[in-house]
Amino acid sequence: MSYQVNEIVQGVVTRILPYGAMMVFEDETMGLLHISEISNSYIRNIYRYLKVGAVYQVKVLSVDEEKHFLKVSLKALSDEERKMIIGLNERNQSLIDSKLLTSKVNDWTKIEIEKMNKGE
């Protein structure tokens, strides 16, 4: 895992929970986008802001190398970074369309659904 704090990364939402969203990144690293890191405004319904399967660019807040886990933020992105992301979206379209990433997201989503069904 080669992520750095304050780096802007692209990930896919795999699960939405009352307290935030679980995301997966291109090297199968998992992450949490906490509800408090989505917006500066109070969020009453997280489902109005995020969608499962959607791709978002987020800023890395912390890296747990041992667990391969990131804490990320949308609201930490500066206006300059948001403008830069528009360009990234065009250049990184291949990642969004990547069969490998889609496959990994599908695999992880199946695992999470199985966990939910088992009551874990």
PDB file of N, CA and C in Angstrom:
ATOM      1  N   MET A   1       0.864  -1.179   0.000  1.00  0.00           N
ATOM      2  CA  MET A   1       0.000   0.000   0.000  1.00  0.00           C
ATOM      3  C   MET A   1       0.897   1.224   0.000  1.00  0.00           C
ATOM      4  N   SER A   2       0.627   2.123  -0.905  1.00  0.00           N
ATOM      5  CA  SER A   2       1.502   3.284  -1.037  1.00  0.00           C
ATOM      6  C   SER A   2       0.737   4.605  -0.951  1.00  0.00           C
ATOM      7  N   TYR A   3      -0.236   4.681  -0.073  1.00  0.00           N
ATOM      8  CA  TYR A   3      -1.021   5.906   0.071  1.00  0.00           C
ATOM      9  C   TYR A   3      -0.356   6.836   1.079  1.00  0.00           C
ATOM     10  N   GLN A   4      -0.536   8.135   0.843  1.00  0.00           N
ATOM     11  CA  GLN A   4       0.021   9.153   1.723  1.00  0.00           C
ATOM     12  C   GLN A   4      -1.103  10.058   2.229  1.00  0.00           C
ATOM     13  N   VAL A   5      -0.958  10.560   3.449  1.00  0.00           N
ATOM     14  CA  VAL A   5      -1.917  11.519   3.993  1.00  0.00           C
ATOM     15  C   VAL A   5      -1.930  12.747   3.085  1.00  0.00           C
ATOM     16  N   ASN A   6      -3.110  13.283   2.831  1.00  0.00           N
ATOM     17  CA  ASN A   6      -3.388  14.435   1.965  1.00  0.00           C
ATOM     18  C   ASN A   6      -3.364  14.110   0.478  1.00  0.00           C
ATOM     19  N   GLU A   7      -3.114  12.878   0.115  1.00  0.00           N
ATOM     20  CA  GLU A   7      -3.161  12.463  -1.286  1.00  0.00           C
ATOM     21  C   GLU A   7      -4.624  12.380  -1.719  1.00  0.00           C
ATOM     22  N   ILE A   8      -4.889  12.715  -2.972  1.00  0.00           N
ATOM     23  CA  ILE A   8      -6.231  12.587  -3.522  1.00  0.00           C
ATOM     24  C   ILE A   8      -6.281  11.260  -4.262  1.00  0.00           C
ATOM     25  N   VAL A   9      -7.252  10.427  -3.882  1.00  0.00           N
ATOM     26  CA  VAL A   9      -7.380   9.091  -4.470  1.00  0.00           C
ATOM     27  C   VAL A   9      -8.807   8.880  -4.959  1.00  0.00           C
ATOM     28  N   GLN A  10      -8.958   7.897  -5.820  1.00  0.00           N
ATOM     29  CA  GLN A  10     -10.259   7.582  -6.382  1.00  0.00           C
ATOM     30  C   GLN A  10     -10.712   6.230  -5.860  1.00  0.00           C
ATOM     31  N   GLY A  11     -11.950   6.169  -5.395  1.00  0.00           N
ATOM     32  CA  GLY A  11     -12.465   4.918  -4.872  1.00  0.00           C
ATOM     33  C   GLY A  11     -13.938   4.751  -5.191  1.00  0.00           C
ATOM     34  N   VAL A  12     -14.426   3.553  -4.944  1.00  0.00           N
ATOM     35  CA  VAL A  12     -15.813   3.207  -5.228  1.00  0.00           C
ATOM     36  C   VAL A  12     -16.527   2.906  -3.914  1.00  0.00           C
ATOM     37  N   VAL A  13     -17.721   3.467  -3.746  1.00  0.00           N
ATOM     38  CA  VAL A  13     -18.527   3.177  -2.563  1.00  0.00           C
ATOM     39  C   VAL A  13     -19.079   1.766  -2.692  1.00  0.00           C
ATOM     40  N   THR A  14     -18.799   0.941  -1.686  1.00  0.00           N
ATOM     41  CA  THR A  14     -19.268  -0.450  -1.716  1.00  0.00           C
ATOM     42  C   THR A  14     -20.415  -0.698  -0.752  1.00  0.00           C
ATOM     43  N   ARG A  15     -20.527   0.166   0.253  1.00  0.00           N
ATOM     44  CA  ARG A  15     -21.584  -0.022   1.263  1.00  0.00           C
ATOM     45  C   ARG A  15     -21.826   1.297   1.976  1.00  0.00           C
ATOM     46  N   ILE A  16     -23.091   1.596   2.218  1.00  0.00           N
ATOM     47  CA  ILE A  16     -23.436   2.810   2.962  1.00  0.00           C
ATOM     48  C   ILE A  16     -24.024   2.394   4.301  1.00  0.00           C
ATOM     49  N   LEU A  17     -23.501   2.996   5.340  1.00  0.00           N
ATOM     50  CA  LEU A  17     -23.926   2.722   6.711  1.00  0.00           C
ATOM     51  C   LEU A  17     -24.422   4.024   7.333  1.00  0.00           C
ATOM     52  N   PRO A  18     -25.118   3.978   8.451  1.00  0.00           N
ATOM     53  CA  PRO A  18     -25.615   5.208   9.066  1.00  0.00           C
ATOM     54  C   PRO A  18     -24.508   6.203   9.414  1.00  0.00           C
ATOM     55  N   TYR A  19     -23.307   5.728   9.663  1.00  0.00           N
ATOM     56  CA  TYR A  19     -22.201   6.598  10.082  1.00  0.00           C
ATOM     57  C   TYR A  19     -21.217   6.933   8.964  1.00  0.00           C
ATOM     58  N   GLY A  20     -21.415   6.405   7.753  1.00  0.00           N
ATOM     59  CA  GLY A  20     -20.501   6.706   6.663  1.00  0.00           C
ATOM     60  C   GLY A  20     -20.577   5.684   5.546  1.00  0.00           C
ATOM     61  N   ALA A  21     -19.571   5.708   4.699  1.00  0.00           N
ATOM     62  CA  ALA A  21     -19.550   4.802   3.555  1.00  0.00           C
ATOM     63  C   ALA A  21     -18.231   4.046   3.510  1.00  0.00           C
ATOM     64  N   MET A  22     -18.330   2.759   3.203  1.00  0.00           N
ATOM     65  CA  MET A  22     -17.138   1.952   2.984  1.00  0.00           C
ATOM     66  C   MET A  22     -16.755   2.111   1.519  1.00  0.00           C
ATOM     67  N   MET A  23     -15.457   2.225   1.277  1.00  0.00           N
ATOM     68  CA  MET A  23     -14.969   2.393  -0.087  1.00  0.00           C
ATOM     69  C   MET A  23     -13.864   1.387  -0.354  1.00  0.00           C
ATOM     70  N   VAL A  24     -13.676   1.075  -1.625  1.00  0.00           N
ATOM     71  CA  VAL A  24     -12.558   0.241  -2.043  1.00  0.00           C
ATOM     72  C   VAL A  24     -11.762   1.049  -3.071  1.00  0.00           C
ATOM     73  N   PHE A  25     -10.437   0.886  -3.009  1.00  0.00           N
ATOM     74  CA  PHE A  25      -9.541   1.614  -3.894  1.00  0.00           C
ATOM     75  C   PHE A  25      -8.853   0.628  -4.828  1.00  0.00           C
ATOM     76  N   GLU A  26      -8.133   1.114  -5.806  1.00  0.00           N
ATOM     77  CA  GLU A  26      -7.680   0.262  -6.904  1.00  0.00           C
ATOM     78  C   GLU A  26      -6.825  -0.926  -6.504  1.00  0.00           C
ATOM     79  N   ASP A  27      -6.153  -0.909  -5.388  1.00  0.00           N
ATOM     80  CA  ASP A  27      -5.320  -2.052  -4.998  1.00  0.00           C
ATOM     81  C   ASP A  27      -5.971  -2.883  -3.894  1.00  0.00           C
ATOM     82  N   GLU A  28      -7.309  -2.861  -3.859  1.00  0.00           N
ATOM     83  CA  GLU A  28      -8.107  -3.602  -2.889  1.00  0.00           C
ATOM     84  C   GLU A  28      -8.009  -3.058  -1.467  1.00  0.00           C
ATOM     85  N   THR A  29      -7.408  -1.907  -1.289  1.00  0.00           N
ATOM     86  CA  THR A  29      -7.389  -1.251   0.005  1.00  0.00           C
ATOM     87  C   THR A  29      -8.793  -0.762   0.310  1.00  0.00           C
ATOM     88  N   MET A  30      -9.215  -0.953   1.546  1.00  0.00           N
ATOM     89  CA  MET A  30     -10.541  -0.512   1.968  1.00  0.00           C
ATOM     90  C   MET A  30     -10.412   0.835   2.672  1.00  0.00           C
ATOM     91  N   GLY A  31     -11.528   1.531   2.803  1.00  0.00           N
ATOM     92  CA  GLY A  31     -11.501   2.806   3.488  1.00  0.00           C
ATOM     93  C   GLY A  31     -12.870   3.204   3.997  1.00  0.00           C
ATOM     94  N   LEU A  32     -12.871   4.170   4.889  1.00  0.00           N
ATOM     95  CA  LEU A  32     -14.104   4.717   5.447  1.00  0.00           C
ATOM     96  C   LEU A  32     -14.189   6.204   5.153  1.00  0.00           C
ATOM     97  N   LEU A  33     -15.301   6.602   4.570  1.00  0.00           N
ATOM     98  CA  LEU A  33     -15.652   8.006   4.418  1.00  0.00           C
ATOM     99  C   LEU A  33     -16.704   8.270   5.482  1.00  0.00           C
ATOM    100  N   HIS A  34     -16.273   8.803   6.626  1.00  0.00           N
ATOM    101  CA  HIS A  34     -17.192   9.044   7.740  1.00  0.00           C
ATOM    102  C   HIS A  34     -18.199  10.117   7.347  1.00  0.00           C
ATOM    103  N   ILE A  35     -19.402  10.027   7.871  1.00  0.00           N
ATOM    104  CA  ILE A  35     -20.470  10.967   7.537  1.00  0.00           C
ATOM    105  C   ILE A  35     -20.057  12.415   7.826  1.00  0.00           C
ATOM    106  N   SER A  36     -19.233  12.618   8.838  1.00  0.00           N
ATOM    107  CA  SER A  36     -18.782  13.972   9.182  1.00  0.00           C
ATOM    108  C   SER A  36     -17.757  14.515   8.190  1.00  0.00           C
ATOM    109  N   GLU A  37     -17.245  13.662   7.299  1.00  0.00           N
ATOM    110  CA  GLU A  37     -16.243  14.070   6.312  1.00  0.00           C
ATOM    111  C   GLU A  37     -16.823  14.234   4.902  1.00  0.00           C
ATOM    112  N   ILE A  38     -18.154  14.202   4.806  1.00  0.00           N
ATOM    113  CA  ILE A  38     -18.795  14.353   3.504  1.00  0.00           C
ATOM    114  C   ILE A  38     -19.039  15.823   3.191  1.00  0.00           C
ATOM    115  N   SER A  39     -19.513  16.570   4.172  1.00  0.00           N
ATOM    116  CA  SER A  39     -19.903  17.959   3.951  1.00  0.00           C
ATOM    117  C   SER A  39     -19.681  18.762   5.229  1.00  0.00           C
ATOM    118  N   ASN A  40     -19.549  20.076   5.066  1.00  0.00           N
ATOM    119  CA  ASN A  40     -19.469  20.958   6.237  1.00  0.00           C
ATOM    120  C   ASN A  40     -20.839  21.157   6.870  1.00  0.00           C
ATOM    121  N   SER A  41     -21.879  20.826   6.135  1.00  0.00           N
ATOM    122  CA  SER A  41     -23.246  20.933   6.646  1.00  0.00           C
ATOM    123  C   SER A  41     -23.649  19.636   7.340  1.00  0.00           C
ATOM    124  N   TYR A  42     -24.640  19.727   8.214  1.00  0.00           N
ATOM    125  CA  TYR A  42     -25.166  18.540   8.885  1.00  0.00           C
ATOM    126  C   TYR A  42     -25.858  17.653   7.857  1.00  0.00           C
ATOM    127  N   ILE A  43     -25.581  16.371   7.914  1.00  0.00           N
ATOM    128  CA  ILE A  43     -26.189  15.417   6.993  1.00  0.00           C
ATOM    129  C   ILE A  43     -27.195  14.574   7.762  1.00  0.00           C
ATOM    130  N   ARG A  44     -28.436  14.716   7.402  1.00  0.00           N
ATOM    131  CA  ARG A  44     -29.500  13.960   8.044  1.00  0.00           C
ATOM    132  C   ARG A  44     -29.676  12.596   7.359  1.00  0.00           C
ATOM    133  N   ASN A  45     -29.549  12.584   6.035  1.00  0.00           N
ATOM    134  CA  ASN A  45     -29.760  11.352   5.273  1.00  0.00           C
ATOM    135  C   ASN A  45     -28.578  11.138   4.329  1.00  0.00           C
ATOM    136  N   ILE A  46     -27.689  10.238   4.705  1.00  0.00           N
ATOM    137  CA  ILE A  46     -26.468   9.995   3.928  1.00  0.00           C
ATOM    138  C   ILE A  46     -26.773   9.509   2.511  1.00  0.00           C
ATOM    139  N   TYR A  47     -27.906   8.859   2.329  1.00  0.00           N
ATOM    140  CA  TYR A  47     -28.264   8.319   1.020  1.00  0.00           C
ATOM    141  C   TYR A  47     -28.529   9.412  -0.013  1.00  0.00           C
ATOM    142  N   ARG A  48     -28.743  10.637   0.431  1.00  0.00           N
ATOM    143  CA  ARG A  48     -28.925  11.755  -0.501  1.00  0.00           C
ATOM    144  C   ARG A  48     -27.595  12.245  -1.062  1.00  0.00           C
ATOM    145  N   TYR A  49     -26.497  11.859  -0.425  1.00  0.00           N
ATOM    146  CA  TYR A  49     -25.175  12.348  -0.810  1.00  0.00           C
ATOM    147  C   TYR A  49     -24.335  11.309  -1.546  1.00  0.00           C
ATOM    148  N   LEU A  50     -24.504  10.051  -1.215  1.00  0.00           N
ATOM    149  CA  LEU A  50     -23.654   8.997  -1.766  1.00  0.00           C
ATOM    150  C   LEU A  50     -24.495   7.864  -2.332  1.00  0.00           C
ATOM    151  N   LYS A  51     -23.930   7.170  -3.302  1.00  0.00           N
ATOM    152  CA  LYS A  51     -24.591   6.022  -3.919  1.00  0.00           C
ATOM    153  C   LYS A  51     -23.616   4.857  -3.975  1.00  0.00           C
ATOM    154  N   VAL A  52     -24.091   3.649  -3.691  1.00  0.00           N
ATOM    155  CA  VAL A  52     -23.276   2.446  -3.828  1.00  0.00           C
ATOM    156  C   VAL A  52     -22.917   2.277  -5.301  1.00  0.00           C
ATOM    157  N   GLY A  53     -21.655   1.993  -5.559  1.00  0.00           N
ATOM    158  CA  GLY A  53     -21.162   1.825  -6.916  1.00  0.00           C
ATOM    159  C   GLY A  53     -20.631   3.100  -7.537  1.00  0.00           C
ATOM    160  N   ALA A  54     -20.880   4.241  -6.906  1.00  0.00           N
ATOM    161  CA  ALA A  54     -20.393   5.513  -7.449  1.00  0.00           C
ATOM    162  C   ALA A  54     -18.904   5.686  -7.144  1.00  0.00           C
ATOM    163  N   VAL A  55     -18.225   6.362  -8.056  1.00  0.00           N
ATOM    164  CA  VAL A  55     -16.792   6.627  -7.921  1.00  0.00           C
ATOM    165  C   VAL A  55     -16.622   8.057  -7.419  1.00  0.00           C
ATOM    166  N   TYR A  56     -15.784   8.215  -6.391  1.00  0.00           N
ATOM    167  CA  TYR A  56     -15.517   9.539  -5.820  1.00  0.00           C
ATOM    168  C   TYR A  56     -14.022   9.744  -5.658  1.00  0.00           C
ATOM    169  N   GLN A  57     -13.587  10.976  -5.841  1.00  0.00           N
ATOM    170  CA  GLN A  57     -12.231  11.355  -5.491  1.00  0.00           C
ATOM    171  C   GLN A  57     -12.295  11.912  -4.081  1.00  0.00           C
ATOM    172  N   VAL A  58     -11.403  11.420  -3.228  1.00  0.00           N
ATOM    173  CA  VAL A  58     -11.391  11.814  -1.823  1.00  0.00           C
ATOM    174  C   VAL A  58      -9.959  12.089  -1.390  1.00  0.00           C
ATOM    175  N   LYS A  59      -9.835  12.790  -0.285  1.00  0.00           N
ATOM    176  CA  LYS A  59      -8.510  13.084   0.273  1.00  0.00           C
ATOM    177  C   LYS A  59      -8.244  12.124   1.424  1.00  0.00           C
ATOM    178  N   VAL A  60      -7.036  11.574   1.458  1.00  0.00           N
ATOM    179  CA  VAL A  60      -6.650  10.634   2.504  1.00  0.00           C
ATOM    180  C   VAL A  60      -6.359  11.405   3.794  1.00  0.00           C
ATOM    181  N   LEU A  61      -7.045  11.023   4.874  1.00  0.00           N
ATOM    182  CA  LEU A  61      -6.826  11.631   6.187  1.00  0.00           C
ATOM    183  C   LEU A  61      -5.839  10.818   7.024  1.00  0.00           C
ATOM    184  N   SER A  62      -5.942   9.479   6.937  1.00  0.00           N
ATOM    185  CA  SER A  62      -5.026   8.616   7.676  1.00  0.00           C
ATOM    186  C   SER A  62      -4.876   7.289   6.953  1.00  0.00           C
ATOM    187  N   VAL A  63      -3.722   6.658   7.204  1.00  0.00           N
ATOM    188  CA  VAL A  63      -3.395   5.391   6.559  1.00  0.00           C
ATOM    189  C   VAL A  63      -3.015   4.391   7.636  1.00  0.00           C
ATOM    190  N   ASP A  64      -3.688   3.241   7.632  1.00  0.00           N
ATOM    191  CA  ASP A  64      -3.317   2.143   8.524  1.00  0.00           C
ATOM    192  C   ASP A  64      -2.680   1.076   7.642  1.00  0.00           C
ATOM    193  N   GLU A  65      -1.344   1.099   7.594  1.00  0.00           N
ATOM    194  CA  GLU A  65      -0.594   0.179   6.732  1.00  0.00           C
ATOM    195  C   GLU A  65      -0.870  -1.279   7.087  1.00  0.00           C
ATOM    196  N   GLU A  66      -0.971  -1.553   8.368  1.00  0.00           N
ATOM    197  CA  GLU A  66      -1.155  -2.930   8.832  1.00  0.00           C
ATOM    198  C   GLU A  66      -2.480  -3.520   8.372  1.00  0.00           C
ATOM    199  N   LYS A  67      -3.539  -2.722   8.469  1.00  0.00           N
ATOM    200  CA  LYS A  67      -4.878  -3.205   8.117  1.00  0.00           C
ATOM    201  C   LYS A  67      -5.252  -2.893   6.666  1.00  0.00           C
ATOM    202  N   HIS A  68      -4.372  -2.189   5.941  1.00  0.00           N
ATOM    203  CA  HIS A  68      -4.674  -1.755   4.570  1.00  0.00           C
ATOM    204  C   HIS A  68      -5.997  -0.997   4.549  1.00  0.00           C
ATOM    205  N   PHE A  69      -6.063   0.029   5.389  1.00  0.00           N
ATOM    206  CA  PHE A  69      -7.313   0.762   5.581  1.00  0.00           C
ATOM    207  C   PHE A  69      -7.046   2.263   5.590  1.00  0.00           C
ATOM    208  N   LEU A  70      -7.884   3.006   4.888  1.00  0.00           N
ATOM    209  CA  LEU A  70      -7.765   4.461   4.820  1.00  0.00           C
ATOM    210  C   LEU A  70      -8.970   5.124   5.468  1.00  0.00           C
ATOM    211  N   LYS A  71      -8.749   6.275   6.061  1.00  0.00           N
ATOM    212  CA  LYS A  71      -9.844   7.173   6.430  1.00  0.00           C
ATOM    213  C   LYS A  71      -9.731   8.325   5.446  1.00  0.00           C
ATOM    214  N   VAL A  72     -10.862   8.649   4.801  1.00  0.00           N
ATOM    215  CA  VAL A  72     -10.843   9.628   3.719  1.00  0.00           C
ATOM    216  C   VAL A  72     -11.910  10.699   3.930  1.00  0.00           C
ATOM    217  N   SER A  73     -11.788  11.784   3.149  1.00  0.00           N
ATOM    218  CA  SER A  73     -12.695  12.915   3.301  1.00  0.00           C
ATOM    219  C   SER A  73     -13.040  13.522   1.948  1.00  0.00           C
ATOM    220  N   LEU A  74     -14.287  13.915   1.799  1.00  0.00           N
ATOM    221  CA  LEU A  74     -14.705  14.735   0.664  1.00  0.00           C
ATOM    222  C   LEU A  74     -14.587  16.215   1.013  1.00  0.00           C
ATOM    223  N   LYS A  75     -14.970  16.569   2.221  1.00  0.00           N
ATOM    224  CA  LYS A  75     -15.009  17.986   2.589  1.00  0.00           C
ATOM    225  C   LYS A  75     -13.613  18.591   2.750  1.00  0.00           C
ATOM    226  N   ALA A  76     -12.594  17.764   2.906  1.00  0.00           N
ATOM    227  CA  ALA A  76     -11.231  18.274   3.070  1.00  0.00           C
ATOM    228  C   ALA A  76     -10.620  18.755   1.754  1.00  0.00           C
ATOM    229  N   LEU A  77     -11.273  18.461   0.640  1.00  0.00           N
ATOM    230  CA  LEU A  77     -10.759  18.913  -0.649  1.00  0.00           C
ATOM    231  C   LEU A  77     -10.911  20.429  -0.770  1.00  0.00           C
ATOM    232  N   SER A  78      -9.836  21.086  -1.148  1.00  0.00           N
ATOM    233  CA  SER A  78      -9.885  22.540  -1.348  1.00  0.00           C
ATOM    234  C   SER A  78     -10.541  22.846  -2.693  1.00  0.00           C
ATOM    235  N   ASP A  79     -10.889  24.109  -2.911  1.00  0.00           N
ATOM    236  CA  ASP A  79     -11.478  24.507  -4.193  1.00  0.00           C
ATOM    237  C   ASP A  79     -10.527  24.208  -5.343  1.00  0.00           C
ATOM    238  N   GLU A  80      -9.229  24.448  -5.137  1.00  0.00           N
ATOM    239  CA  GLU A  80      -8.219  24.159  -6.161  1.00  0.00           C
ATOM    240  C   GLU A  80      -8.199  22.676  -6.488  1.00  0.00           C
ATOM    241  N   GLU A  81      -8.257  21.851  -5.460  1.00  0.00           N
ATOM    242  CA  GLU A  81      -8.244  20.399  -5.674  1.00  0.00           C
ATOM    243  C   GLU A  81      -9.505  19.940  -6.396  1.00  0.00           C
ATOM    244  N   ARG A  82     -10.635  20.560  -6.063  1.00  0.00           N
ATOM    245  CA  ARG A  82     -11.883  20.197  -6.739  1.00  0.00           C
ATOM    246  C   ARG A  82     -11.798  20.511  -8.229  1.00  0.00           C
ATOM    247  N   LYS A  83     -11.181  21.637  -8.584  1.00  0.00           N
ATOM    248  CA  LYS A  83     -10.997  21.993  -9.996  1.00  0.00           C
ATOM    249  C   LYS A  83     -10.081  20.986 -10.677  1.00  0.00           C
ATOM    250  N   MET A  84      -9.033  20.561  -9.984  1.00  0.00           N
ATOM    251  CA  MET A  84      -8.105  19.594 -10.527  1.00  0.00           C
ATOM    252  C   MET A  84      -8.801  18.250 -10.769  1.00  0.00           C
ATOM    253  N   ILE A  85      -9.724  17.892  -9.891  1.00  0.00           N
ATOM    254  CA  ILE A  85     -10.433  16.610 -10.001  1.00  0.00           C
ATOM    255  C   ILE A  85     -11.227  16.532 -11.294  1.00  0.00           C
ATOM    256  N   ILE A  86     -11.751  17.633 -11.762  1.00  0.00           N
ATOM    257  CA  ILE A  86     -12.498  17.620 -13.019  1.00  0.00           C
ATOM    258  C   ILE A  86     -11.606  17.069 -14.123  1.00  0.00           C
ATOM    259  N   GLY A  87     -10.351  17.497 -14.147  1.00  0.00           N
ATOM    260  CA  GLY A  87      -9.394  16.967 -15.121  1.00  0.00           C
ATOM    261  C   GLY A  87      -9.064  15.514 -14.855  1.00  0.00           C
ATOM    262  N   LEU A  88      -8.944  15.144 -13.583  1.00  0.00           N
ATOM    263  CA  LEU A  88      -8.642  13.757 -13.236  1.00  0.00           C
ATOM    264  C   LEU A  88      -9.747  12.827 -13.714  1.00  0.00           C
ATOM    265  N   ASN A  89     -10.983  13.287 -13.599  1.00  0.00           N
ATOM    266  CA  ASN A  89     -12.110  12.453 -14.023  1.00  0.00           C
ATOM    267  C   ASN A  89     -11.971  12.046 -15.484  1.00  0.00           C
ATOM    268  N   GLU A  90     -11.547  12.981 -16.315  1.00  0.00           N
ATOM    269  CA  GLU A  90     -11.386  12.684 -17.733  1.00  0.00           C
ATOM    270  C   GLU A  90     -10.210  11.751 -17.968  1.00  0.00           C
ATOM    271  N   ARG A  91      -9.077  12.026 -17.317  1.00  0.00           N
ATOM    272  CA  ARG A  91      -7.866  11.224 -17.537  1.00  0.00           C
ATOM    273  C   ARG A  91      -7.975   9.833 -16.926  1.00  0.00           C
ATOM    274  N   ASN A  92      -8.725   9.682 -15.860  1.00  0.00           N
ATOM    275  CA  ASN A  92      -8.796   8.401 -15.165  1.00  0.00           C
ATOM    276  C   ASN A  92     -10.040   7.602 -15.504  1.00  0.00           C
ATOM    277  N   GLN A  93     -10.680   7.915 -16.600  1.00  0.00           N
ATOM    278  CA  GLN A  93     -11.882   7.186 -16.984  1.00  0.00           C
ATOM    279  C   GLN A  93     -11.597   5.690 -17.118  1.00  0.00           C
ATOM    280  N   SER A  94     -10.366   5.357 -17.518  1.00  0.00           N
ATOM    281  CA  SER A  94     -10.028   3.938 -17.678  1.00  0.00           C
ATOM    282  C   SER A  94     -10.112   3.202 -16.344  1.00  0.00           C
ATOM    283  N   LEU A  95      -9.790   3.879 -15.235  1.00  0.00           N
ATOM    284  CA  LEU A  95      -9.908   3.240 -13.929  1.00  0.00           C
ATOM    285  C   LEU A  95     -11.371   2.975 -13.605  1.00  0.00           C
ATOM    286  N   ILE A  96     -12.216   3.928 -13.885  1.00  0.00           N
ATOM    287  CA  ILE A  96     -13.644   3.772 -13.610  1.00  0.00           C
ATOM    288  C   ILE A  96     -14.202   2.600 -14.408  1.00  0.00           C
ATOM    289  N   ASP A  97     -13.763   2.470 -15.653  1.00  0.00           N
ATOM    290  CA  ASP A  97     -14.264   1.424 -16.524  1.00  0.00           C
ATOM    291  C   ASP A  97     -13.510   0.103 -16.363  1.00  0.00           C
ATOM    292  N   SER A  98     -12.506   0.102 -15.546  1.00  0.00           N
ATOM    293  CA  SER A  98     -11.644  -1.067 -15.415  1.00  0.00           C
ATOM    294  C   SER A  98     -12.415  -2.305 -14.991  1.00  0.00           C
ATOM    295  N   LYS A  99     -12.263  -3.372 -15.746  1.00  0.00           N
ATOM    296  CA  LYS A  99     -12.910  -4.622 -15.391  1.00  0.00           C
ATOM    297  C   LYS A  99     -12.361  -5.146 -14.077  1.00  0.00           C
ATOM    298  N   LEU A 100     -11.070  -4.917 -13.835  1.00  0.00           N
ATOM    299  CA  LEU A 100     -10.449  -5.395 -12.602  1.00  0.00           C
ATOM    300  C   LEU A 100     -11.081  -4.723 -11.393  1.00  0.00           C
ATOM    301  N   LEU A 101     -11.203  -3.398 -11.421  1.00  0.00           N
ATOM    302  CA  LEU A 101     -11.794  -2.682 -10.296  1.00  0.00           C
ATOM    303  C   LEU A 101     -13.248  -3.105 -10.111  1.00  0.00           C
ATOM    304  N   THR A 102     -13.976  -3.193 -11.193  1.00  0.00           N
ATOM    305  CA  THR A 102     -15.381  -3.596 -11.109  1.00  0.00           C
ATOM    306  C   THR A 102     -15.499  -4.986 -10.507  1.00  0.00           C
ATOM    307  N   SER A 103     -14.623  -5.875 -10.930  1.00  0.00           N
ATOM    308  CA  SER A 103     -14.629  -7.234 -10.400  1.00  0.00           C
ATOM    309  C   SER A 103     -14.361  -7.237  -8.901  1.00  0.00           C
ATOM    310  N   LYS A 104     -13.372  -6.460  -8.458  1.00  0.00           N
ATOM    311  CA  LYS A 104     -13.026  -6.412  -7.046  1.00  0.00           C
ATOM    312  C   LYS A 104     -14.168  -5.820  -6.231  1.00  0.00           C
ATOM    313  N   VAL A 105     -14.805  -4.784  -6.742  1.00  0.00           N
ATOM    314  CA  VAL A 105     -15.942  -4.177  -6.040  1.00  0.00           C
ATOM    315  C   VAL A 105     -17.075  -5.190  -5.929  1.00  0.00           C
ATOM    316  N   ASN A 106     -17.341  -5.907  -7.014  1.00  0.00           N
ATOM    317  CA  ASN A 106     -18.404  -6.915  -6.984  1.00  0.00           C
ATOM    318  C   ASN A 106     -18.095  -8.001  -5.966  1.00  0.00           C
ATOM    319  N   ASP A 107     -16.847  -8.463  -5.934  1.00  0.00           N
ATOM    320  CA  ASP A 107     -16.439  -9.486  -4.972  1.00  0.00           C
ATOM    321  C   ASP A 107     -16.627  -8.983  -3.548  1.00  0.00           C
ATOM    322  N   TRP A 108     -16.162  -7.769  -3.284  1.00  0.00           N
ATOM    323  CA  TRP A 108     -16.245  -7.225  -1.935  1.00  0.00           C
ATOM    324  C   TRP A 108     -17.697  -7.011  -1.532  1.00  0.00           C
ATOM    325  N   THR A 109     -18.523  -6.537  -2.464  1.00  0.00           N
ATOM    326  CA  THR A 109     -19.937  -6.305  -2.172  1.00  0.00           C
ATOM    327  C   THR A 109     -20.627  -7.624  -1.818  1.00  0.00           C
ATOM    328  N   LYS A 110     -20.305  -8.691  -2.539  1.00  0.00           N
ATOM    329  CA  LYS A 110     -20.884 -10.005  -2.236  1.00  0.00           C
ATOM    330  C   LYS A 110     -20.512 -10.441  -0.824  1.00  0.00           C
ATOM    331  N   ILE A 111     -19.266 -10.223  -0.449  1.00  0.00           N
ATOM    332  CA  ILE A 111     -18.806 -10.588   0.893  1.00  0.00           C
ATOM    333  C   ILE A 111     -19.582  -9.806   1.944  1.00  0.00           C
ATOM    334  N   GLU A 112     -19.776  -8.515   1.718  1.00  0.00           N
ATOM    335  CA  GLU A 112     -20.505  -7.677   2.672  1.00  0.00           C
ATOM    336  C   GLU A 112     -21.962  -8.102   2.772  1.00  0.00           C
ATOM    337  N   ILE A 113     -22.571  -8.468   1.668  1.00  0.00           N
ATOM    338  CA  ILE A 113     -23.968  -8.912   1.682  1.00  0.00           C
ATOM    339  C   ILE A 113     -24.077 -10.219   2.468  1.00  0.00           C
ATOM    340  N   GLU A 114     -23.116 -11.114   2.268  1.00  0.00           N
ATOM    341  CA  GLU A 114     -23.109 -12.372   3.017  1.00  0.00           C
ATOM    342  C   GLU A 114     -22.987 -12.108   4.502  1.00  0.00           C
ATOM    343  N   LYS A 115     -22.126 -11.154   4.885  1.00  0.00           N
ATOM    344  CA  LYS A 115     -21.957 -10.802   6.294  1.00  0.00           C
ATOM    345  C   LYS A 115     -23.273 -10.276   6.876  1.00  0.00           C
ATOM    346  N   MET A 116     -23.936  -9.413   6.105  1.00  0.00           N
ATOM    347  CA  MET A 116     -25.207  -8.837   6.569  1.00  0.00           C
ATOM    348  C   MET A 116     -26.242  -9.940   6.761  1.00  0.00           C
ATOM    349  N   ASN A 117     -26.281 -10.872   5.822  1.00  0.00           N
ATOM    350  CA  ASN A 117     -27.247 -11.967   5.918  1.00  0.00           C
ATOM    351  C   ASN A 117     -26.981 -12.874   7.100  1.00  0.00           C
ATOM    352  N   LYS A 118     -25.709 -13.006   7.494  1.00  0.00           N
ATOM    353  CA  LYS A 118     -25.334 -13.818   8.644  1.00  0.00           C
ATOM    354  C   LYS A 118     -25.480 -13.063   9.955  1.00  0.00           C
ATOM    355  N   GLY A 119     -25.708 -11.743   9.851  1.00  0.00           N
ATOM    356  CA  GLY A 119     -25.884 -10.929  11.040  1.00  0.00           C
ATOM    357  C   GLY A 119     -24.584 -10.515  11.691  1.00  0.00           C
ATOM    358  N   GLU A 120     -23.503 -10.463  10.946  1.00  0.00           N
ATOM    359  CA  GLU A 120     -22.196 -10.058  11.502  1.00  0.00           C
ATOM    360  C   GLU A 120     -22.116  -8.564  11.637  1.00  0.00           C
TER     361      GLU A 120
END
